[in-house]
């Protein structure tokens, strides 16, 4: 399915350049987004509320497998990207193969990197890359009591008699 929000890295760089030229602030959110749940929606909404264009970077299938283990992701990256792109708060989506977003941060230099409440500003792994050019990290969303891993464990695991 064609969606003008799903971009490759080069298209994203160009789009970010256009937005910046128009005076827009760039916000970067990222994650696996495997089995979209309310915590994801609240996180992305919180990121958009920071004011600006929201770019969402989604881990590739291979990076999700490395981070989460065999059997993950449940949904392929292209489908995860399509679902995230369908959300009104999201302005662009890119799939990235690395295990973290440092390379993408260095490419697009977002004004704000938005992370969920499972982090603090001090514990964000990529905060060093954001600090290199004077960007800032913001913690957004509701308390981290939703997770795809937990949904799979508690709701999708076979029930024992």
N, C-alpha and C. Protein backbone atom coordinates (compact mmCIF):
# COMPACT_ATOMS: atom_id res chain seq x y z
N UNK A 1 0.84 -1.19 0.00
CA UNK A 1 0.00 0.00 0.00
C UNK A 1 0.88 1.25 0.00
N UNK A 2 0.57 2.17 -0.85
CA UNK A 2 1.33 3.42 -0.96
C UNK A 2 0.92 4.37 0.16
N UNK A 3 1.90 4.89 0.85
CA UNK A 3 1.63 5.86 1.89
C UNK A 3 2.74 6.89 1.85
N UNK A 4 2.40 8.13 1.63
CA UNK A 4 3.39 9.19 1.51
C UNK A 4 4.16 9.48 2.77
N UNK A 5 3.80 8.86 3.88
CA UNK A 5 4.52 9.08 5.15
C UNK A 5 5.67 8.10 5.33
N UNK A 6 5.65 6.97 4.65
CA UNK A 6 6.69 5.96 4.82
C UNK A 6 7.83 6.27 3.84
N UNK A 7 8.98 6.57 4.41
CA UNK A 7 10.10 7.06 3.61
C UNK A 7 11.35 6.22 3.83
N UNK A 8 12.25 6.23 2.82
CA UNK A 8 13.57 5.64 3.06
C UNK A 8 14.45 6.75 3.65
N UNK A 9 15.66 6.43 4.00
CA UNK A 9 16.53 7.38 4.71
C UNK A 9 16.76 8.66 3.89
N UNK A 10 17.02 8.51 2.60
CA UNK A 10 17.29 9.68 1.76
C UNK A 10 16.04 10.55 1.63
N UNK A 11 14.89 9.93 1.42
CA UNK A 11 13.63 10.69 1.35
C UNK A 11 13.38 11.42 2.66
N UNK A 12 13.68 10.74 3.77
CA UNK A 12 13.48 11.36 5.08
C UNK A 12 14.39 12.58 5.24
N UNK A 13 15.65 12.46 4.86
CA UNK A 13 16.57 13.60 4.97
C UNK A 13 16.02 14.80 4.19
N UNK A 14 15.52 14.53 2.98
CA UNK A 14 14.97 15.61 2.15
C UNK A 14 13.73 16.23 2.79
N UNK A 15 12.84 15.38 3.33
CA UNK A 15 11.60 15.87 3.95
C UNK A 15 11.93 16.72 5.18
N UNK A 16 12.88 16.25 5.98
CA UNK A 16 13.28 17.00 7.18
C UNK A 16 13.86 18.36 6.77
N UNK A 17 14.65 18.38 5.71
CA UNK A 17 15.22 19.63 5.22
C UNK A 17 14.11 20.61 4.81
N UNK A 18 13.09 20.09 4.12
CA UNK A 18 11.94 20.93 3.70
C UNK A 18 11.22 21.48 4.93
N UNK A 19 10.98 20.63 5.89
CA UNK A 19 10.27 21.07 7.11
C UNK A 19 11.08 22.13 7.83
N UNK A 20 12.38 21.89 7.97
CA UNK A 20 13.25 22.87 8.66
C UNK A 20 13.22 24.21 7.94
N UNK A 21 13.30 24.16 6.60
CA UNK A 21 13.26 25.40 5.81
C UNK A 21 11.97 26.17 6.04
N UNK A 22 10.90 25.43 6.35
CA UNK A 22 9.60 26.05 6.61
C UNK A 22 9.46 26.45 8.08
N UNK A 23 10.53 26.27 8.86
CA UNK A 23 10.51 26.69 10.26
C UNK A 23 9.94 25.67 11.23
N UNK A 24 9.78 24.44 10.79
CA UNK A 24 9.23 23.40 11.66
C UNK A 24 10.28 22.82 12.60
N UNK A 25 9.84 22.43 13.78
CA UNK A 25 10.67 21.69 14.72
C UNK A 25 10.54 20.21 14.37
N UNK A 26 11.64 19.44 14.52
CA UNK A 26 11.64 18.01 14.21
C UNK A 26 11.72 17.23 15.51
N UNK A 27 10.79 16.28 15.67
CA UNK A 27 10.75 15.41 16.83
C UNK A 27 10.96 13.99 16.34
N UNK A 28 11.80 13.23 17.01
CA UNK A 28 12.04 11.84 16.65
C UNK A 28 11.55 10.92 17.76
N UNK A 29 10.71 9.97 17.40
CA UNK A 29 10.33 8.89 18.29
C UNK A 29 10.80 7.59 17.66
N UNK A 30 11.02 6.57 18.45
CA UNK A 30 11.47 5.31 17.85
C UNK A 30 11.04 4.12 18.70
N UNK A 31 11.04 2.96 18.07
CA UNK A 31 10.71 1.74 18.78
C UNK A 31 10.43 0.59 17.84
N UNK A 32 10.07 -0.54 18.42
CA UNK A 32 9.73 -1.72 17.64
C UNK A 32 8.31 -1.64 17.11
N UNK A 33 7.39 -1.18 17.94
CA UNK A 33 5.98 -1.06 17.60
C UNK A 33 5.40 -2.36 17.07
N UNK A 34 5.77 -3.44 17.74
CA UNK A 34 5.27 -4.77 17.38
C UNK A 34 3.98 -4.97 18.16
N UNK A 35 2.89 -5.19 17.50
CA UNK A 35 1.56 -5.25 18.11
C UNK A 35 1.25 -3.90 18.78
N UNK A 36 0.77 -2.98 17.99
CA UNK A 36 0.45 -1.64 18.48
C UNK A 36 -0.51 -1.73 19.65
N UNK A 37 -0.19 -1.02 20.73
CA UNK A 37 -1.07 -1.00 21.90
C UNK A 37 -1.21 0.44 22.40
N UNK A 38 -2.07 0.62 23.39
CA UNK A 38 -2.40 1.96 23.88
C UNK A 38 -1.16 2.71 24.39
N UNK A 39 -0.20 2.03 24.95
CA UNK A 39 1.02 2.70 25.40
C UNK A 39 1.76 3.34 24.24
N UNK A 40 1.79 2.65 23.08
CA UNK A 40 2.41 3.23 21.88
C UNK A 40 1.66 4.50 21.45
N UNK A 41 0.35 4.41 21.41
CA UNK A 41 -0.47 5.55 20.96
C UNK A 41 -0.25 6.74 21.88
N UNK A 42 -0.22 6.50 23.18
CA UNK A 42 -0.02 7.60 24.15
C UNK A 42 1.38 8.19 24.04
N UNK A 43 2.36 7.34 23.81
CA UNK A 43 3.75 7.80 23.62
C UNK A 43 3.84 8.71 22.39
N UNK A 44 3.29 8.25 21.26
CA UNK A 44 3.37 9.04 20.03
C UNK A 44 2.57 10.33 20.15
N UNK A 45 1.43 10.28 20.82
CA UNK A 45 0.64 11.50 21.03
C UNK A 45 1.42 12.48 21.91
N UNK A 46 2.05 11.97 22.95
CA UNK A 46 2.86 12.84 23.81
C UNK A 46 4.02 13.47 23.05
N UNK A 47 4.62 12.70 22.15
CA UNK A 47 5.72 13.22 21.34
C UNK A 47 5.22 14.34 20.42
N UNK A 48 4.09 14.13 19.79
CA UNK A 48 3.52 15.14 18.88
C UNK A 48 3.17 16.41 19.65
N UNK A 49 2.75 16.26 20.90
CA UNK A 49 2.37 17.43 21.71
C UNK A 49 3.57 18.34 22.02
N UNK A 50 4.78 17.86 21.78
CA UNK A 50 5.96 18.70 21.97
C UNK A 50 6.01 19.82 20.94
N UNK A 51 5.24 19.66 19.86
CA UNK A 51 5.11 20.72 18.86
C UNK A 51 6.11 20.60 17.74
N UNK A 52 5.66 20.12 16.60
CA UNK A 52 6.53 19.99 15.44
C UNK A 52 6.14 18.79 14.61
N UNK A 53 7.02 18.43 13.70
CA UNK A 53 6.81 17.27 12.83
C UNK A 53 7.36 16.04 13.52
N UNK A 54 6.52 15.01 13.63
CA UNK A 54 6.92 13.79 14.32
C UNK A 54 7.38 12.73 13.32
N UNK A 55 8.65 12.38 13.42
CA UNK A 55 9.25 11.30 12.65
C UNK A 55 9.32 10.08 13.57
N UNK A 56 8.84 8.93 13.09
CA UNK A 56 8.90 7.71 13.89
C UNK A 56 9.81 6.72 13.18
N UNK A 57 10.85 6.30 13.88
CA UNK A 57 11.80 5.31 13.37
C UNK A 57 11.43 3.94 13.95
N UNK A 58 11.25 2.99 13.06
CA UNK A 58 10.82 1.64 13.46
C UNK A 58 11.97 0.66 13.21
N UNK A 59 12.27 -0.15 14.23
CA UNK A 59 13.32 -1.16 14.08
C UNK A 59 12.97 -2.15 12.99
N UNK A 60 13.96 -2.52 12.19
CA UNK A 60 13.78 -3.55 11.17
C UNK A 60 13.52 -4.90 11.85
N UNK A 61 13.03 -5.85 11.06
CA UNK A 61 12.75 -7.18 11.60
C UNK A 61 13.99 -7.79 12.24
N UNK A 62 15.12 -7.68 11.54
CA UNK A 62 16.35 -8.28 12.05
C UNK A 62 16.79 -7.64 13.37
N UNK A 63 16.66 -6.32 13.47
CA UNK A 63 17.07 -5.67 14.72
C UNK A 63 16.11 -6.04 15.85
N UNK A 64 14.81 -6.19 15.56
CA UNK A 64 13.86 -6.62 16.60
C UNK A 64 14.23 -8.02 17.08
N UNK A 65 14.55 -8.91 16.15
CA UNK A 65 14.95 -10.28 16.54
C UNK A 65 16.18 -10.25 17.45
N UNK A 66 17.15 -9.42 17.09
CA UNK A 66 18.35 -9.31 17.91
C UNK A 66 18.02 -8.77 19.30
N UNK A 67 17.15 -7.78 19.37
CA UNK A 67 16.81 -7.15 20.65
C UNK A 67 15.84 -7.96 21.49
N UNK A 68 14.87 -8.63 20.84
CA UNK A 68 13.78 -9.28 21.57
C UNK A 68 13.81 -10.80 21.54
N UNK A 69 14.57 -11.37 20.60
CA UNK A 69 14.68 -12.83 20.55
C UNK A 69 13.87 -13.46 19.43
N UNK A 70 14.06 -14.77 19.28
CA UNK A 70 13.37 -15.54 18.24
C UNK A 70 11.86 -15.39 18.42
N UNK A 71 11.15 -15.43 17.31
CA UNK A 71 9.71 -15.31 17.36
C UNK A 71 9.22 -13.87 17.31
N UNK A 72 10.13 -12.94 17.32
CA UNK A 72 9.78 -11.53 17.23
C UNK A 72 10.48 -10.95 16.01
N UNK A 73 9.92 -10.02 15.34
CA UNK A 73 8.64 -9.40 15.63
C UNK A 73 7.47 -10.30 15.23
N UNK A 74 6.32 -10.01 15.77
CA UNK A 74 5.11 -10.74 15.41
C UNK A 74 4.66 -10.28 14.02
N UNK A 75 4.81 -8.99 13.75
CA UNK A 75 4.41 -8.42 12.45
C UNK A 75 5.65 -7.89 11.73
N UNK A 76 5.68 -8.04 10.39
CA UNK A 76 6.84 -7.53 9.64
C UNK A 76 6.91 -6.00 9.66
N UNK A 77 8.12 -5.49 9.48
CA UNK A 77 8.39 -4.05 9.56
C UNK A 77 7.49 -3.23 8.65
N UNK A 78 7.26 -3.69 7.43
CA UNK A 78 6.45 -2.92 6.49
C UNK A 78 5.03 -2.73 7.02
N UNK A 79 4.48 -3.77 7.66
CA UNK A 79 3.13 -3.66 8.22
C UNK A 79 3.14 -2.77 9.46
N UNK A 80 4.16 -2.90 10.29
CA UNK A 80 4.27 -2.03 11.47
C UNK A 80 4.36 -0.57 11.03
N UNK A 81 5.14 -0.31 9.98
CA UNK A 81 5.29 1.05 9.46
C UNK A 81 3.95 1.58 8.93
N UNK A 82 3.22 0.75 8.23
CA UNK A 82 1.93 1.18 7.67
C UNK A 82 0.94 1.54 8.78
N UNK A 83 0.92 0.76 9.83
CA UNK A 83 0.02 1.03 10.95
C UNK A 83 0.41 2.34 11.64
N UNK A 84 1.69 2.53 11.92
CA UNK A 84 2.16 3.76 12.58
C UNK A 84 1.88 4.97 11.68
N UNK A 85 2.11 4.83 10.38
CA UNK A 85 1.88 5.93 9.44
C UNK A 85 0.40 6.33 9.39
N UNK A 86 -0.50 5.41 9.71
CA UNK A 86 -1.93 5.71 9.68
C UNK A 86 -2.37 6.59 10.84
N UNK A 87 -1.52 6.74 11.86
CA UNK A 87 -1.88 7.57 13.01
C UNK A 87 -1.76 9.06 12.67
N UNK A 88 -2.76 9.82 13.09
CA UNK A 88 -2.80 11.25 12.76
C UNK A 88 -1.61 12.02 13.32
N UNK A 89 -1.09 11.62 14.48
CA UNK A 89 0.02 12.35 15.10
C UNK A 89 1.35 12.18 14.36
N UNK A 90 1.44 11.18 13.50
CA UNK A 90 2.70 10.82 12.85
C UNK A 90 2.83 11.51 11.49
N UNK A 91 3.98 12.16 11.26
CA UNK A 91 4.21 12.86 10.00
C UNK A 91 5.10 12.09 9.03
N UNK A 92 5.96 11.22 9.55
CA UNK A 92 6.83 10.42 8.69
C UNK A 92 7.27 9.18 9.45
N UNK A 93 7.52 8.11 8.70
CA UNK A 93 7.97 6.84 9.27
C UNK A 93 9.16 6.35 8.45
N UNK A 94 10.16 5.84 9.14
CA UNK A 94 11.32 5.24 8.48
C UNK A 94 11.67 3.95 9.23
N UNK A 95 12.07 2.94 8.48
CA UNK A 95 12.52 1.68 9.09
C UNK A 95 14.04 1.73 9.14
N UNK A 96 14.62 1.39 10.30
CA UNK A 96 16.08 1.45 10.42
C UNK A 96 16.63 0.10 10.87
N UNK A 97 17.79 -0.31 10.31
CA UNK A 97 18.35 -1.63 10.60
C UNK A 97 19.23 -1.69 11.84
N UNK A 98 19.71 -0.55 12.33
CA UNK A 98 20.63 -0.54 13.47
C UNK A 98 19.88 -0.92 14.75
N UNK A 99 20.64 -1.25 15.79
CA UNK A 99 20.03 -1.62 17.07
C UNK A 99 19.58 -0.40 17.88
N UNK A 100 20.13 0.78 17.59
CA UNK A 100 19.63 2.01 18.21
C UNK A 100 19.59 3.10 17.14
N UNK A 101 19.08 4.26 17.50
CA UNK A 101 18.84 5.32 16.50
C UNK A 101 19.95 6.36 16.40
N UNK A 102 21.13 6.07 16.96
CA UNK A 102 22.21 7.07 16.91
C UNK A 102 22.54 7.53 15.48
N UNK A 103 22.66 6.58 14.54
CA UNK A 103 23.01 6.96 13.17
C UNK A 103 21.93 7.87 12.57
N UNK A 104 20.68 7.52 12.79
CA UNK A 104 19.58 8.34 12.27
C UNK A 104 19.56 9.71 12.94
N UNK A 105 19.81 9.75 14.23
CA UNK A 105 19.88 11.04 14.94
C UNK A 105 20.95 11.92 14.31
N UNK A 106 22.10 11.34 14.02
CA UNK A 106 23.19 12.12 13.42
C UNK A 106 22.83 12.58 12.01
N UNK A 107 22.00 11.80 11.30
CA UNK A 107 21.60 12.17 9.93
C UNK A 107 20.57 13.30 9.91
N UNK A 108 19.55 13.22 10.77
CA UNK A 108 18.47 14.21 10.68
C UNK A 108 18.50 15.27 11.79
N UNK A 109 19.31 15.04 12.83
CA UNK A 109 19.49 16.00 13.92
C UNK A 109 18.16 16.56 14.43
N UNK A 110 17.32 15.68 15.00
CA UNK A 110 16.03 16.17 15.49
C UNK A 110 16.22 17.19 16.62
N UNK A 111 15.32 18.16 16.68
CA UNK A 111 15.37 19.13 17.76
C UNK A 111 15.13 18.43 19.09
N UNK A 112 14.22 17.44 19.06
CA UNK A 112 13.87 16.69 20.27
C UNK A 112 13.81 15.20 19.95
N UNK A 113 14.44 14.40 20.78
CA UNK A 113 14.24 12.96 20.71
C UNK A 113 13.27 12.62 21.84
N UNK A 114 12.12 12.08 21.48
CA UNK A 114 11.11 11.72 22.46
C UNK A 114 11.24 10.24 22.80
N UNK A 115 11.33 9.95 24.08
CA UNK A 115 11.40 8.57 24.56
C UNK A 115 10.28 8.33 25.55
N UNK A 116 9.92 7.07 25.72
CA UNK A 116 8.84 6.70 26.62
C UNK A 116 9.25 6.73 28.07
N UNK A 117 8.26 6.55 28.93
CA UNK A 117 8.49 6.68 30.37
C UNK A 117 9.25 5.51 30.98
N UNK A 118 9.64 4.53 30.17
CA UNK A 118 10.51 3.49 30.69
C UNK A 118 11.96 4.00 30.75
N UNK A 119 12.17 5.25 30.31
CA UNK A 119 13.48 5.90 30.38
C UNK A 119 13.39 7.13 31.26
N UNK A 120 14.55 7.60 31.68
CA UNK A 120 14.68 8.95 32.23
C UNK A 120 15.59 9.68 31.25
N UNK A 121 15.64 11.00 31.33
CA UNK A 121 16.51 11.75 30.41
C UNK A 121 17.95 11.27 30.51
N UNK A 122 18.35 10.80 31.70
CA UNK A 122 19.73 10.34 31.91
C UNK A 122 19.96 8.92 31.38
N UNK A 123 18.91 8.12 31.27
CA UNK A 123 19.10 6.72 30.87
C UNK A 123 18.85 6.47 29.38
N UNK A 124 18.50 7.49 28.62
CA UNK A 124 18.26 7.31 27.19
C UNK A 124 19.58 6.94 26.52
N UNK A 125 19.63 5.76 25.87
CA UNK A 125 20.91 5.29 25.31
C UNK A 125 21.53 6.25 24.30
N UNK A 126 20.71 6.94 23.52
CA UNK A 126 21.23 7.79 22.45
C UNK A 126 21.40 9.25 22.86
N UNK A 127 21.27 9.56 24.13
CA UNK A 127 21.33 10.96 24.57
C UNK A 127 22.66 11.61 24.18
N UNK A 128 23.73 10.81 24.09
CA UNK A 128 25.03 11.36 23.68
C UNK A 128 24.98 11.90 22.26
N UNK A 129 24.32 11.19 21.36
CA UNK A 129 24.22 11.63 19.96
C UNK A 129 23.38 12.90 19.86
N UNK A 130 22.34 13.00 20.66
CA UNK A 130 21.48 14.20 20.67
C UNK A 130 22.25 15.39 21.22
N UNK A 131 23.03 15.16 22.26
CA UNK A 131 23.79 16.24 22.89
C UNK A 131 24.89 16.79 21.97
N UNK A 132 25.39 15.97 21.05
CA UNK A 132 26.48 16.38 20.15
C UNK A 132 26.17 17.67 19.41
N UNK A 133 24.91 17.89 19.05
CA UNK A 133 24.56 19.07 18.26
C UNK A 133 23.62 20.01 19.01
N UNK A 134 23.40 19.74 20.29
CA UNK A 134 22.58 20.65 21.10
C UNK A 134 21.09 20.36 21.09
N UNK A 135 20.70 19.16 20.64
CA UNK A 135 19.29 18.78 20.71
C UNK A 135 18.93 18.42 22.15
N UNK A 136 17.67 18.07 22.36
CA UNK A 136 17.29 17.68 23.72
C UNK A 136 16.45 16.41 23.70
N UNK A 137 16.44 15.73 24.83
CA UNK A 137 15.66 14.51 25.01
C UNK A 137 14.45 14.87 25.87
N UNK A 138 13.28 14.35 25.49
CA UNK A 138 12.06 14.56 26.29
C UNK A 138 11.44 13.20 26.57
N UNK A 139 10.95 13.02 27.77
CA UNK A 139 10.26 11.79 28.17
C UNK A 139 8.76 12.07 28.08
N UNK A 140 8.05 11.23 27.32
CA UNK A 140 6.62 11.47 27.07
C UNK A 140 5.83 10.17 27.18
N UNK A 141 4.53 10.31 27.28
CA UNK A 141 3.64 9.16 27.32
C UNK A 141 3.17 8.85 28.72
N UNK A 142 2.43 7.77 28.84
CA UNK A 142 1.90 7.38 30.14
C UNK A 142 2.88 6.45 30.84
N UNK A 143 2.64 6.15 32.11
CA UNK A 143 3.55 5.23 32.80
C UNK A 143 3.68 3.92 32.02
N UNK A 144 4.87 3.38 32.00
CA UNK A 144 5.16 2.18 31.20
C UNK A 144 4.56 0.95 31.87
N UNK A 145 3.25 0.77 31.65
CA UNK A 145 2.64 -0.46 32.15
C UNK A 145 1.97 -1.23 31.02
N UNK A 146 2.44 -0.96 29.80
CA UNK A 146 2.00 -1.71 28.62
C UNK A 146 3.26 -2.16 27.90
N UNK A 147 3.28 -3.39 27.44
CA UNK A 147 4.40 -3.83 26.61
C UNK A 147 3.95 -4.99 25.75
N UNK A 148 4.47 -5.00 24.52
CA UNK A 148 4.13 -6.09 23.62
C UNK A 148 4.57 -7.42 24.21
N UNK A 149 5.77 -7.45 24.79
CA UNK A 149 6.28 -8.70 25.38
C UNK A 149 5.32 -9.22 26.45
N UNK A 150 4.81 -8.30 27.28
CA UNK A 150 3.88 -8.71 28.34
C UNK A 150 2.54 -9.16 27.75
N UNK A 151 2.07 -8.47 26.71
CA UNK A 151 0.82 -8.88 26.05
C UNK A 151 0.97 -10.29 25.50
N UNK A 152 2.09 -10.55 24.86
CA UNK A 152 2.33 -11.89 24.31
C UNK A 152 2.36 -12.92 25.43
N UNK A 153 3.10 -12.60 26.49
CA UNK A 153 3.20 -13.53 27.62
C UNK A 153 1.85 -13.80 28.27
N UNK A 154 1.11 -12.74 28.55
CA UNK A 154 -0.10 -12.93 29.35
C UNK A 154 -1.35 -13.27 28.55
N UNK A 155 -1.43 -12.78 27.32
CA UNK A 155 -2.67 -12.96 26.58
C UNK A 155 -2.60 -13.94 25.43
N UNK A 156 -1.43 -14.08 24.86
CA UNK A 156 -1.31 -14.92 23.68
C UNK A 156 -0.65 -16.25 23.96
N UNK A 157 -0.08 -16.39 25.14
CA UNK A 157 0.57 -17.66 25.48
C UNK A 157 -0.50 -18.74 25.66
N UNK A 158 -0.18 -19.98 25.30
CA UNK A 158 -1.16 -21.05 25.48
C UNK A 158 -1.55 -21.17 26.95
N UNK A 159 -2.81 -21.33 27.18
CA UNK A 159 -3.33 -21.47 28.55
C UNK A 159 -3.17 -22.91 29.00
N UNK A 160 -2.75 -23.06 30.24
CA UNK A 160 -2.62 -24.41 30.80
C UNK A 160 -3.93 -24.78 31.46
N UNK A 161 -4.36 -26.05 31.30
CA UNK A 161 -5.64 -26.45 31.92
C UNK A 161 -5.55 -26.53 33.42
